[in-house]
Amino acid sequence: MQRNLWLDLAGITFKIHRSFAISIVLINAILFFINYKLKYRYQFVNFLCGVVFLEVLSGVILTYFDMLALMQPIHLIAASLLFLLQIALYFQLQKAKSN
């Protein structure tokens, strides 16, 4: 099957995926703003937001450039890295909370 037809077949699943991605971007934008505004300057948060940017950029390229083959593994790896970073941040916050 041709890659450029995948989005047509995804239907509502793609719309849910996109809506979830928008919420992830908003949450991380707030996190970045808090990090910047309160002058915490945590590099971990900046790196996390950079991965979010890469994820969004690769997703947009996938959507508007007919599922460009190079972008699919980048999108999947960035999503996996983003998930791992968010879990690591959660555990760091839990550790700091218990101290």
N, C-alpha and C. Protein backbone atom coordinates (compact mmCIF):
# COMPACT_ATOMS: atom_id res chain seq x y z
N MET A 1 0.84 -1.18 0.00
CA MET A 1 0.00 0.00 0.00
C MET A 1 0.89 1.25 0.00
N GLN A 2 0.44 2.27 -0.68
CA GLN A 2 1.21 3.50 -0.77
C GLN A 2 1.15 4.26 0.55
N ARG A 3 2.30 4.79 0.95
CA ARG A 3 2.42 5.49 2.23
C ARG A 3 1.53 6.73 2.30
N ASN A 4 1.35 7.42 1.18
CA ASN A 4 0.57 8.66 1.19
C ASN A 4 -0.92 8.41 1.42
N LEU A 5 -1.37 7.17 1.37
CA LEU A 5 -2.78 6.85 1.62
C LEU A 5 -3.05 6.45 3.07
N TRP A 6 -2.01 6.29 3.88
CA TRP A 6 -2.17 5.83 5.25
C TRP A 6 -3.07 6.75 6.08
N LEU A 7 -2.90 8.07 5.94
CA LEU A 7 -3.70 9.00 6.74
C LEU A 7 -5.17 8.91 6.41
N ASP A 8 -5.49 8.67 5.15
CA ASP A 8 -6.89 8.54 4.76
C ASP A 8 -7.51 7.32 5.42
N LEU A 9 -6.74 6.26 5.58
CA LEU A 9 -7.26 5.05 6.20
C LEU A 9 -7.32 5.15 7.73
N ALA A 10 -6.51 6.01 8.31
CA ALA A 10 -6.48 6.12 9.77
C ALA A 10 -7.75 6.74 10.33
N GLY A 11 -8.36 7.66 9.61
CA GLY A 11 -9.62 8.26 10.03
C GLY A 11 -9.53 8.94 11.38
N ILE A 12 -10.43 8.55 12.30
CA ILE A 12 -10.54 9.18 13.61
C ILE A 12 -9.30 8.92 14.47
N THR A 13 -8.62 7.83 14.22
CA THR A 13 -7.41 7.51 15.00
C THR A 13 -6.36 8.60 14.84
N PHE A 14 -6.20 9.10 13.63
CA PHE A 14 -5.23 10.18 13.40
C PHE A 14 -5.66 11.45 14.12
N LYS A 15 -6.95 11.75 14.12
CA LYS A 15 -7.43 12.96 14.79
C LYS A 15 -7.21 12.87 16.30
N ILE A 16 -7.42 11.70 16.87
CA ILE A 16 -7.16 11.50 18.30
C ILE A 16 -5.66 11.65 18.58
N HIS A 17 -4.84 11.06 17.73
CA HIS A 17 -3.38 11.15 17.85
C HIS A 17 -2.94 12.62 17.81
N ARG A 18 -3.48 13.36 16.88
CA ARG A 18 -3.12 14.78 16.73
C ARG A 18 -3.58 15.59 17.95
N SER A 19 -4.77 15.32 18.45
CA SER A 19 -5.27 16.03 19.62
C SER A 19 -4.43 15.73 20.86
N PHE A 20 -4.05 14.47 21.02
CA PHE A 20 -3.19 14.09 22.13
C PHE A 20 -1.83 14.78 22.00
N ALA A 21 -1.32 14.86 20.79
CA ALA A 21 -0.03 15.52 20.56
C ALA A 21 -0.11 17.00 20.91
N ILE A 22 -1.22 17.64 20.59
CA ILE A 22 -1.39 19.05 20.93
C ILE A 22 -1.37 19.23 22.44
N SER A 23 -2.01 18.33 23.18
CA SER A 23 -2.00 18.43 24.64
C SER A 23 -0.58 18.23 25.19
N ILE A 24 0.19 17.33 24.61
CA ILE A 24 1.57 17.12 25.03
C ILE A 24 2.40 18.38 24.78
N VAL A 25 2.20 19.01 23.64
CA VAL A 25 2.92 20.24 23.32
C VAL A 25 2.55 21.34 24.31
N LEU A 26 1.28 21.49 24.61
CA LEU A 26 0.85 22.54 25.55
C LEU A 26 1.42 22.31 26.94
N ILE A 27 1.37 21.08 27.42
CA ILE A 27 1.91 20.77 28.75
C ILE A 27 3.41 21.07 28.81
N ASN A 28 4.13 20.66 27.79
CA ASN A 28 5.57 20.90 27.78
C ASN A 28 5.90 22.37 27.56
N ALA A 29 5.07 23.10 26.85
CA ALA A 29 5.27 24.54 26.68
C ALA A 29 5.10 25.25 28.03
N ILE A 30 4.12 24.83 28.81
CA ILE A 30 3.93 25.39 30.15
C ILE A 30 5.13 25.06 31.03
N LEU A 31 5.60 23.83 30.95
CA LEU A 31 6.77 23.41 31.72
C LEU A 31 7.99 24.26 31.33
N PHE A 32 8.18 24.48 30.04
CA PHE A 32 9.29 25.31 29.57
C PHE A 32 9.14 26.74 30.07
N PHE A 33 7.92 27.29 30.00
CA PHE A 33 7.68 28.66 30.45
C PHE A 33 7.97 28.81 31.94
N ILE A 34 7.53 27.85 32.74
CA ILE A 34 7.79 27.88 34.18
C ILE A 34 9.30 27.81 34.44
N ASN A 35 9.97 26.93 33.74
CA ASN A 35 11.41 26.78 33.89
C ASN A 35 12.13 28.08 33.54
N TYR A 36 11.67 28.76 32.50
CA TYR A 36 12.30 30.00 32.06
C TYR A 36 11.91 31.18 32.95
N LYS A 37 10.62 31.32 33.21
CA LYS A 37 10.12 32.48 33.93
C LYS A 37 10.61 32.51 35.38
N LEU A 38 10.65 31.35 36.02
CA LEU A 38 11.10 31.30 37.41
C LEU A 38 12.62 31.14 37.53
N LYS A 39 13.28 31.20 36.39
CA LYS A 39 14.75 31.16 36.32
C LYS A 39 15.34 29.91 36.95
N TYR A 40 14.64 28.78 36.79
CA TYR A 40 15.21 27.51 37.25
C TYR A 40 16.35 27.09 36.34
N ARG A 41 16.16 27.27 35.04
CA ARG A 41 17.17 26.95 34.03
C ARG A 41 17.63 25.49 34.07
N TYR A 42 16.70 24.59 34.31
CA TYR A 42 17.02 23.16 34.28
C TYR A 42 17.25 22.74 32.83
N GLN A 43 18.44 22.24 32.55
CA GLN A 43 18.77 21.81 31.20
C GLN A 43 17.94 20.61 30.77
N PHE A 44 17.56 19.79 31.74
CA PHE A 44 16.75 18.61 31.45
C PHE A 44 15.42 19.02 30.80
N VAL A 45 14.81 20.06 31.34
CA VAL A 45 13.54 20.55 30.80
C VAL A 45 13.75 21.12 29.40
N ASN A 46 14.84 21.83 29.20
CA ASN A 46 15.13 22.37 27.87
C ASN A 46 15.33 21.25 26.85
N PHE A 47 16.05 20.18 27.26
CA PHE A 47 16.25 19.05 26.37
C PHE A 47 14.93 18.36 26.06
N LEU A 48 14.09 18.21 27.08
CA LEU A 48 12.77 17.61 26.91
C LEU A 48 11.95 18.40 25.89
N CYS A 49 11.97 19.70 26.00
CA CYS A 49 11.23 20.55 25.06
C CYS A 49 11.83 20.49 23.65
N GLY A 50 13.13 20.32 23.55
CA GLY A 50 13.76 20.13 22.25
C GLY A 50 13.30 18.85 21.58
N VAL A 51 13.15 17.79 22.37
CA VAL A 51 12.65 16.52 21.83
C VAL A 51 11.19 16.68 21.39
N VAL A 52 10.41 17.43 22.17
CA VAL A 52 9.02 17.69 21.78
C VAL A 52 8.99 18.43 20.45
N PHE A 53 9.85 19.41 20.28
CA PHE A 53 9.92 20.15 19.02
C PHE A 53 10.27 19.21 17.86
N LEU A 54 11.27 18.33 18.06
CA LEU A 54 11.64 17.37 17.03
C LEU A 54 10.48 16.45 16.70
N GLU A 55 9.76 16.03 17.71
CA GLU A 55 8.61 15.14 17.53
C GLU A 55 7.52 15.83 16.70
N VAL A 56 7.23 17.07 17.04
CA VAL A 56 6.20 17.82 16.31
C VAL A 56 6.64 18.08 14.88
N LEU A 57 7.88 18.49 14.71
CA LEU A 57 8.40 18.76 13.37
C LEU A 57 8.33 17.51 12.49
N SER A 58 8.75 16.38 13.02
CA SER A 58 8.70 15.15 12.23
C SER A 58 7.26 14.74 11.95
N GLY A 59 6.35 14.97 12.90
CA GLY A 59 4.94 14.67 12.68
C GLY A 59 4.32 15.54 11.60
N VAL A 60 4.66 16.82 11.61
CA VAL A 60 4.15 17.74 10.59
C VAL A 60 4.68 17.34 9.21
N ILE A 61 5.96 17.00 9.16
CA ILE A 61 6.53 16.57 7.88
C ILE A 61 5.85 15.29 7.40
N LEU A 62 5.60 14.36 8.31
CA LEU A 62 4.89 13.13 7.93
C LEU A 62 3.51 13.45 7.36
N THR A 63 2.81 14.36 8.01
CA THR A 63 1.44 14.67 7.62
C THR A 63 1.37 15.39 6.28
N TYR A 64 2.20 16.40 6.10
CA TYR A 64 2.06 17.27 4.94
C TYR A 64 2.96 16.90 3.76
N PHE A 65 3.84 15.93 3.94
CA PHE A 65 4.72 15.51 2.84
C PHE A 65 4.52 14.04 2.51
N ASP A 66 3.28 13.60 2.56
CA ASP A 66 2.89 12.25 2.12
C ASP A 66 3.71 11.13 2.76
N MET A 67 3.83 11.17 4.08
CA MET A 67 4.50 10.11 4.84
C MET A 67 5.93 9.87 4.35
N LEU A 68 6.70 10.91 4.31
CA LEU A 68 8.10 10.82 3.90
C LEU A 68 8.80 9.72 4.70
N ALA A 69 9.37 8.75 4.02
CA ALA A 69 9.89 7.53 4.66
C ALA A 69 10.97 7.82 5.70
N LEU A 70 11.80 8.80 5.48
CA LEU A 70 12.86 9.12 6.42
C LEU A 70 12.31 9.61 7.76
N MET A 71 11.18 10.27 7.75
CA MET A 71 10.64 10.86 8.97
C MET A 71 9.98 9.86 9.91
N GLN A 72 9.51 8.75 9.39
CA GLN A 72 8.80 7.81 10.25
C GLN A 72 9.68 7.26 11.38
N PRO A 73 10.89 6.76 11.10
CA PRO A 73 11.71 6.29 12.23
C PRO A 73 12.13 7.42 13.16
N ILE A 74 12.35 8.62 12.61
CA ILE A 74 12.69 9.76 13.47
C ILE A 74 11.53 10.07 14.40
N HIS A 75 10.32 10.05 13.88
CA HIS A 75 9.13 10.32 14.68
C HIS A 75 8.97 9.26 15.78
N LEU A 76 9.17 8.02 15.46
CA LEU A 76 9.03 6.94 16.44
C LEU A 76 10.13 6.98 17.50
N ILE A 77 11.35 7.24 17.09
CA ILE A 77 12.46 7.31 18.06
C ILE A 77 12.28 8.53 18.96
N ALA A 78 11.88 9.66 18.40
CA ALA A 78 11.65 10.85 19.21
C ALA A 78 10.52 10.62 20.20
N ALA A 79 9.48 9.92 19.79
CA ALA A 79 8.37 9.62 20.70
C ALA A 79 8.83 8.72 21.84
N SER A 80 9.64 7.73 21.53
CA SER A 80 10.17 6.84 22.57
C SER A 80 11.07 7.60 23.53
N LEU A 81 11.93 8.45 22.99
CA LEU A 81 12.81 9.25 23.83
C LEU A 81 12.01 10.22 24.70
N LEU A 82 10.99 10.82 24.13
CA LEU A 82 10.13 11.72 24.89
C LEU A 82 9.47 11.00 26.05
N PHE A 83 8.96 9.81 25.81
CA PHE A 83 8.34 9.02 26.86
C PHE A 83 9.35 8.71 27.97
N LEU A 84 10.54 8.28 27.60
CA LEU A 84 11.58 7.97 28.60
C LEU A 84 11.97 9.21 29.40
N LEU A 85 12.10 10.35 28.75
CA LEU A 85 12.46 11.58 29.45
C LEU A 85 11.36 12.01 30.42
N GLN A 86 10.11 11.85 30.01
CA GLN A 86 9.02 12.23 30.90
C GLN A 86 8.95 11.30 32.11
N ILE A 87 9.20 10.02 31.91
CA ILE A 87 9.24 9.08 33.04
C ILE A 87 10.41 9.42 33.96
N ALA A 88 11.57 9.72 33.39
CA ALA A 88 12.73 10.09 34.20
C ALA A 88 12.45 11.36 35.00
N LEU A 89 11.80 12.34 34.39
CA LEU A 89 11.44 13.57 35.10
C LEU A 89 10.47 13.27 36.23
N TYR A 90 9.51 12.41 35.98
CA TYR A 90 8.56 12.02 37.03
C TYR A 90 9.29 11.41 38.22
N PHE A 91 10.22 10.49 37.96
CA PHE A 91 10.96 9.85 39.05
C PHE A 91 11.86 10.85 39.78
N GLN A 92 12.44 11.78 39.06
CA GLN A 92 13.24 12.82 39.71
C GLN A 92 12.39 13.67 40.64
N LEU A 93 11.19 14.01 40.19
CA LEU A 93 10.29 14.81 41.02
C LEU A 93 9.82 14.02 42.24
N GLN A 94 9.56 12.73 42.07
CA GLN A 94 9.17 11.90 43.21
C GLN A 94 10.30 11.79 44.22
N LYS A 95 11.51 11.66 43.74
CA LYS A 95 12.68 11.58 44.62
C LYS A 95 12.87 12.89 45.38
N ALA A 96 12.74 14.00 44.69
CA ALA A 96 12.88 15.31 45.33
C ALA A 96 11.76 15.55 46.34
N LYS A 97 10.58 15.06 46.03
CA LYS A 97 9.44 15.23 46.93
C LYS A 97 9.63 14.45 48.23
N SER A 98 10.25 13.27 48.14
CA SER A 98 10.43 12.44 49.33
C SER A 98 11.58 12.93 50.21
N ASN A 99 12.46 13.76 49.67
CA ASN A 99 13.59 14.29 50.47
C ASN A 99 13.21 15.45 51.29
